[in-house]
Amino acid sequence: MTSKEFSACQKEDPDLGVLIGHLHGSLKSNAKSKVAKQMLRDRKKSRFRNRVLYGERDDYGDTVFQLVLPAKFHLQALQGVRDEVGHMDQEDFIQGDSLCMEWVKLSEII
């Protein structure tokens, strides 16, 4: 999938679309879902790279960018990580260096 295609998937996501619209200045904060409201609260941690939205976080002094996944990719991503690194408990999974993606309420899914 190209960055242009992935960017389109992010924009199509109902919650991510609200955040992306807000970051581009084309939408006012009309978030209705809890997920979209949380994304808007955390918007200062959002960065675009090659038109794709990433979340920025500090990892022991290093800046790390995590791909922000549209909801339709959540299950596929979790299965891929599990297949790659094996079974982990929730805290290890979320804090693990192998996790290069993020989404709101990730811990509730695991």
N, C-alpha and C. Protein backbone atom coordinates (compact mmCIF):
# COMPACT_ATOMS: atom_id res chain seq x y z
N MET A 1 0.85 -1.17 0.00
CA MET A 1 0.00 0.00 0.00
C MET A 1 0.91 1.24 0.00
N THR A 2 0.62 2.16 -0.87
CA THR A 2 1.43 3.38 -0.95
C THR A 2 1.03 4.35 0.16
N SER A 3 1.87 5.35 0.41
CA SER A 3 1.51 6.34 1.42
C SER A 3 0.26 7.11 1.02
N LYS A 4 0.07 7.33 -0.26
CA LYS A 4 -1.14 8.04 -0.72
C LYS A 4 -2.38 7.20 -0.42
N GLU A 5 -2.32 5.90 -0.66
CA GLU A 5 -3.45 5.01 -0.38
C GLU A 5 -3.71 4.91 1.12
N PHE A 6 -2.62 4.82 1.91
CA PHE A 6 -2.80 4.72 3.35
C PHE A 6 -3.36 6.02 3.92
N SER A 7 -2.90 7.13 3.41
CA SER A 7 -3.42 8.43 3.82
C SER A 7 -4.91 8.51 3.54
N ALA A 8 -5.34 8.01 2.39
CA ALA A 8 -6.77 7.99 2.05
C ALA A 8 -7.55 7.13 3.03
N CYS A 9 -6.99 5.99 3.44
CA CYS A 9 -7.64 5.13 4.44
C CYS A 9 -7.79 5.85 5.77
N GLN A 10 -6.76 6.59 6.16
CA GLN A 10 -6.83 7.35 7.41
C GLN A 10 -7.95 8.40 7.33
N LYS A 11 -8.05 9.08 6.21
CA LYS A 11 -9.08 10.13 6.06
C LYS A 11 -10.48 9.54 6.04
N GLU A 12 -10.63 8.32 5.53
CA GLU A 12 -11.94 7.66 5.47
C GLU A 12 -12.41 7.17 6.83
N ASP A 13 -11.48 6.95 7.75
CA ASP A 13 -11.85 6.49 9.08
C ASP A 13 -12.66 7.60 9.78
N PRO A 14 -13.82 7.27 10.34
CA PRO A 14 -14.68 8.32 10.92
C PRO A 14 -13.99 9.14 12.00
N ASP A 15 -13.22 8.52 12.87
CA ASP A 15 -12.56 9.24 13.96
C ASP A 15 -11.28 9.94 13.48
N LEU A 16 -10.47 9.23 12.74
CA LEU A 16 -9.24 9.84 12.22
C LEU A 16 -9.56 10.99 11.27
N GLY A 17 -10.64 10.85 10.50
CA GLY A 17 -11.04 11.90 9.58
C GLY A 17 -11.31 13.21 10.30
N VAL A 18 -11.91 13.14 11.48
CA VAL A 18 -12.17 14.35 12.28
C VAL A 18 -10.84 14.99 12.68
N LEU A 19 -9.91 14.18 13.17
CA LEU A 19 -8.61 14.70 13.59
C LEU A 19 -7.85 15.30 12.40
N ILE A 20 -7.81 14.58 11.30
CA ILE A 20 -7.08 15.04 10.12
C ILE A 20 -7.69 16.35 9.61
N GLY A 21 -9.01 16.40 9.55
CA GLY A 21 -9.67 17.64 9.13
C GLY A 21 -9.33 18.80 10.04
N HIS A 22 -9.31 18.54 11.33
CA HIS A 22 -8.96 19.58 12.30
C HIS A 22 -7.50 20.03 12.12
N LEU A 23 -6.60 19.09 11.94
CA LEU A 23 -5.18 19.43 11.78
C LEU A 23 -4.93 20.22 10.50
N HIS A 24 -5.71 19.96 9.47
CA HIS A 24 -5.57 20.70 8.22
C HIS A 24 -6.35 22.01 8.24
N GLY A 25 -7.09 22.24 9.32
CA GLY A 25 -7.84 23.48 9.45
C GLY A 25 -9.13 23.53 8.67
N SER A 26 -9.56 22.40 8.15
CA SER A 26 -10.77 22.39 7.33
C SER A 26 -12.03 22.04 8.12
N LEU A 27 -11.88 21.55 9.33
CA LEU A 27 -13.03 21.20 10.16
C LEU A 27 -12.88 21.78 11.55
N LYS A 28 -13.97 22.19 12.10
CA LYS A 28 -13.99 22.58 13.50
C LYS A 28 -14.17 21.31 14.33
N SER A 29 -13.92 21.41 15.60
CA SER A 29 -14.00 20.26 16.49
C SER A 29 -15.44 19.81 16.68
N ASN A 30 -15.93 18.97 15.79
CA ASN A 30 -17.29 18.44 15.93
C ASN A 30 -17.25 16.94 16.25
N ALA A 31 -16.28 16.56 17.04
CA ALA A 31 -16.11 15.15 17.39
C ALA A 31 -17.29 14.68 18.23
N LYS A 32 -17.86 13.56 17.82
CA LYS A 32 -18.99 13.00 18.56
C LYS A 32 -18.60 11.76 19.34
N SER A 33 -17.67 10.98 18.83
CA SER A 33 -17.29 9.75 19.54
C SER A 33 -16.22 10.04 20.58
N LYS A 34 -16.12 9.15 21.56
CA LYS A 34 -15.09 9.29 22.59
C LYS A 34 -13.69 9.19 22.00
N VAL A 35 -13.55 8.33 21.01
CA VAL A 35 -12.25 8.13 20.36
C VAL A 35 -11.81 9.42 19.67
N ALA A 36 -12.70 10.03 18.90
CA ALA A 36 -12.36 11.26 18.19
C ALA A 36 -12.06 12.38 19.17
N LYS A 37 -12.81 12.46 20.26
CA LYS A 37 -12.56 13.49 21.27
C LYS A 37 -11.18 13.31 21.90
N GLN A 38 -10.81 12.06 22.17
CA GLN A 38 -9.48 11.78 22.74
C GLN A 38 -8.39 12.16 21.73
N MET A 39 -8.60 11.84 20.47
CA MET A 39 -7.62 12.19 19.43
C MET A 39 -7.43 13.70 19.36
N LEU A 40 -8.51 14.44 19.45
CA LEU A 40 -8.40 15.89 19.41
C LEU A 40 -7.66 16.43 20.63
N ARG A 41 -7.88 15.82 21.78
CA ARG A 41 -7.14 16.24 22.99
C ARG A 41 -5.64 16.00 22.83
N ASP A 42 -5.29 14.92 22.14
CA ASP A 42 -3.88 14.56 21.97
C ASP A 42 -3.29 15.06 20.65
N ARG A 43 -3.96 15.98 19.99
CA ARG A 43 -3.56 16.39 18.64
C ARG A 43 -2.16 16.99 18.56
N LYS A 44 -1.65 17.52 19.65
CA LYS A 44 -0.30 18.10 19.63
C LYS A 44 0.77 17.03 19.43
N LYS A 45 0.40 15.78 19.62
CA LYS A 45 1.33 14.66 19.42
C LYS A 45 1.25 14.09 18.00
N SER A 46 0.43 14.71 17.16
CA SER A 46 0.21 14.20 15.81
C SER A 46 1.13 14.89 14.81
N ARG A 47 1.71 14.10 13.91
CA ARG A 47 2.61 14.62 12.88
C ARG A 47 2.30 13.95 11.55
N PHE A 48 2.41 14.72 10.49
CA PHE A 48 2.28 14.17 9.15
C PHE A 48 3.67 13.96 8.58
N ARG A 49 3.86 12.81 7.99
CA ARG A 49 5.09 12.50 7.27
C ARG A 49 4.67 11.85 5.96
N ASN A 50 4.98 12.53 4.88
CA ASN A 50 4.61 12.01 3.56
C ASN A 50 3.09 11.83 3.46
N ARG A 51 2.33 12.76 4.01
CA ARG A 51 0.86 12.79 4.02
C ARG A 51 0.22 11.74 4.92
N VAL A 52 1.01 10.96 5.64
CA VAL A 52 0.49 9.92 6.53
C VAL A 52 0.60 10.41 7.97
N LEU A 53 -0.43 10.16 8.77
CA LEU A 53 -0.48 10.62 10.15
C LEU A 53 0.25 9.66 11.08
N TYR A 54 1.11 10.23 11.90
CA TYR A 54 1.85 9.49 12.92
C TYR A 54 1.62 10.15 14.27
N GLY A 55 1.76 9.37 15.31
CA GLY A 55 1.76 9.89 16.67
C GLY A 55 3.20 9.98 17.14
N GLU A 56 3.52 11.06 17.81
CA GLU A 56 4.87 11.26 18.32
C GLU A 56 4.88 10.99 19.82
N ARG A 57 5.87 10.26 20.28
CA ARG A 57 6.00 10.02 21.72
C ARG A 57 7.47 9.99 22.10
N ASP A 58 7.71 10.20 23.36
CA ASP A 58 9.07 10.16 23.89
C ASP A 58 9.34 8.78 24.44
N ASP A 59 10.43 8.19 24.03
CA ASP A 59 10.82 6.87 24.49
C ASP A 59 12.20 6.97 25.11
N TYR A 60 12.24 7.26 26.41
CA TYR A 60 13.49 7.39 27.14
C TYR A 60 14.44 8.40 26.48
N GLY A 61 13.88 9.57 26.13
CA GLY A 61 14.69 10.63 25.56
C GLY A 61 14.75 10.64 24.04
N ASP A 62 14.32 9.58 23.40
CA ASP A 62 14.29 9.53 21.94
C ASP A 62 12.87 9.78 21.45
N THR A 63 12.75 10.53 20.38
CA THR A 63 11.44 10.75 19.77
C THR A 63 11.13 9.59 18.84
N VAL A 64 9.96 8.99 19.05
CA VAL A 64 9.53 7.84 18.26
C VAL A 64 8.22 8.22 17.57
N PHE A 65 8.11 7.86 16.31
CA PHE A 65 6.88 8.09 15.55
C PHE A 65 6.17 6.75 15.36
N GLN A 66 4.90 6.74 15.72
CA GLN A 66 4.09 5.52 15.59
C GLN A 66 3.00 5.77 14.56
N LEU A 67 2.87 4.85 13.64
CA LEU A 67 1.84 4.94 12.62
C LEU A 67 0.46 4.90 13.27
N VAL A 68 -0.40 5.83 12.91
CA VAL A 68 -1.76 5.83 13.44
C VAL A 68 -2.64 5.02 12.51
N LEU A 69 -3.14 3.91 13.02
CA LEU A 69 -3.90 2.97 12.19
C LEU A 69 -5.38 3.27 12.17
N PRO A 70 -5.98 3.24 10.99
CA PRO A 70 -7.44 3.30 10.92
C PRO A 70 -8.03 2.05 11.59
N ALA A 71 -9.22 2.18 12.11
CA ALA A 71 -9.85 1.09 12.86
C ALA A 71 -9.93 -0.21 12.06
N LYS A 72 -10.10 -0.11 10.75
CA LYS A 72 -10.27 -1.34 9.97
C LYS A 72 -9.01 -2.19 9.92
N PHE A 73 -7.87 -1.66 10.35
CA PHE A 73 -6.62 -2.41 10.35
C PHE A 73 -6.21 -2.90 11.75
N HIS A 74 -6.97 -2.56 12.78
CA HIS A 74 -6.57 -2.89 14.15
C HIS A 74 -6.37 -4.39 14.37
N LEU A 75 -7.36 -5.19 14.04
CA LEU A 75 -7.27 -6.63 14.28
C LEU A 75 -6.13 -7.27 13.49
N GLN A 76 -6.00 -6.88 12.25
CA GLN A 76 -4.93 -7.40 11.40
C GLN A 76 -3.55 -7.06 11.99
N ALA A 77 -3.40 -5.85 12.50
CA ALA A 77 -2.13 -5.44 13.08
C ALA A 77 -1.82 -6.22 14.36
N LEU A 78 -2.82 -6.40 15.21
CA LEU A 78 -2.62 -7.16 16.44
C LEU A 78 -2.23 -8.60 16.15
N GLN A 79 -2.89 -9.19 15.17
CA GLN A 79 -2.56 -10.57 14.80
C GLN A 79 -1.14 -10.66 14.25
N GLY A 80 -0.75 -9.67 13.46
CA GLY A 80 0.61 -9.65 12.91
C GLY A 80 1.67 -9.53 13.98
N VAL A 81 1.45 -8.66 14.95
CA VAL A 81 2.42 -8.51 16.05
C VAL A 81 2.48 -9.79 16.86
N ARG A 82 1.33 -10.37 17.14
CA ARG A 82 1.31 -11.62 17.92
C ARG A 82 2.04 -12.73 17.18
N ASP A 83 1.83 -12.82 15.89
CA ASP A 83 2.51 -13.85 15.10
C ASP A 83 4.03 -13.62 15.08
N GLU A 84 4.42 -12.37 15.10
CA GLU A 84 5.84 -12.01 15.00
C GLU A 84 6.59 -12.20 16.32
N VAL A 85 5.99 -11.78 17.43
CA VAL A 85 6.71 -11.80 18.71
C VAL A 85 6.16 -12.79 19.72
N GLY A 86 5.06 -13.44 19.41
CA GLY A 86 4.49 -14.41 20.33
C GLY A 86 3.57 -13.76 21.34
N HIS A 87 3.10 -14.55 22.28
CA HIS A 87 2.16 -14.07 23.29
C HIS A 87 2.87 -13.19 24.31
N MET A 88 2.28 -12.05 24.61
CA MET A 88 2.82 -11.13 25.63
C MET A 88 1.66 -10.70 26.50
N ASP A 89 1.97 -10.30 27.75
CA ASP A 89 0.89 -9.74 28.56
C ASP A 89 0.62 -8.32 28.07
N GLN A 90 -0.48 -7.76 28.54
CA GLN A 90 -0.96 -6.47 28.02
C GLN A 90 0.09 -5.36 28.17
N GLU A 91 0.67 -5.21 29.34
CA GLU A 91 1.64 -4.13 29.58
C GLU A 91 2.87 -4.27 28.69
N ASP A 92 3.40 -5.48 28.58
CA ASP A 92 4.57 -5.70 27.71
C ASP A 92 4.23 -5.40 26.25
N PHE A 93 3.03 -5.77 25.85
CA PHE A 93 2.63 -5.54 24.47
C PHE A 93 2.56 -4.05 24.15
N ILE A 94 1.92 -3.29 25.03
CA ILE A 94 1.74 -1.86 24.78
C ILE A 94 3.06 -1.10 24.87
N GLN A 95 3.91 -1.47 25.80
CA GLN A 95 5.18 -0.77 26.00
C GLN A 95 6.31 -1.33 25.15
N GLY A 96 6.06 -2.45 24.49
CA GLY A 96 7.12 -3.13 23.75
C GLY A 96 7.70 -2.32 22.60
N ASP A 97 8.99 -2.50 22.38
CA ASP A 97 9.66 -1.80 21.29
C ASP A 97 9.16 -2.26 19.94
N SER A 98 8.52 -3.42 19.88
CA SER A 98 8.06 -3.94 18.60
C SER A 98 6.80 -3.22 18.12
N LEU A 99 6.15 -2.46 19.00
CA LEU A 99 4.90 -1.80 18.64
C LEU A 99 5.20 -0.46 17.96
N CYS A 100 4.96 -0.40 16.68
CA CYS A 100 5.26 0.81 15.91
C CYS A 100 3.98 1.48 15.43
N MET A 101 2.87 1.17 16.10
CA MET A 101 1.60 1.75 15.71
C MET A 101 0.85 2.15 16.96
N GLU A 102 -0.16 2.98 16.78
CA GLU A 102 -0.94 3.39 17.93
C GLU A 102 -2.37 3.66 17.52
N TRP A 103 -3.25 3.55 18.51
CA TRP A 103 -4.61 4.03 18.35
C TRP A 103 -5.20 4.20 19.73
N VAL A 104 -6.21 5.04 19.80
CA VAL A 104 -6.87 5.34 21.07
C VAL A 104 -7.55 4.08 21.58
N LYS A 105 -7.43 3.86 22.87
CA LYS A 105 -8.05 2.71 23.56
C LYS A 105 -7.47 1.37 23.12
N LEU A 106 -6.21 1.37 22.71
CA LEU A 106 -5.53 0.14 22.35
C LEU A 106 -5.56 -0.86 23.49
N SER A 107 -5.34 -0.37 24.71
CA SER A 107 -5.27 -1.28 25.87
C SER A 107 -6.61 -1.99 26.13
N GLU A 108 -7.71 -1.41 25.71
CA GLU A 108 -9.01 -2.05 25.92
C GLU A 108 -9.23 -3.23 24.97
N ILE A 109 -8.51 -3.24 23.85
CA ILE A 109 -8.69 -4.30 22.86
C ILE A 109 -7.85 -5.52 23.21
N ILE A 110 -6.70 -5.28 23.82
CA ILE A 110 -5.75 -6.35 24.10
C ILE A 110 -6.23 -7.21 25.26
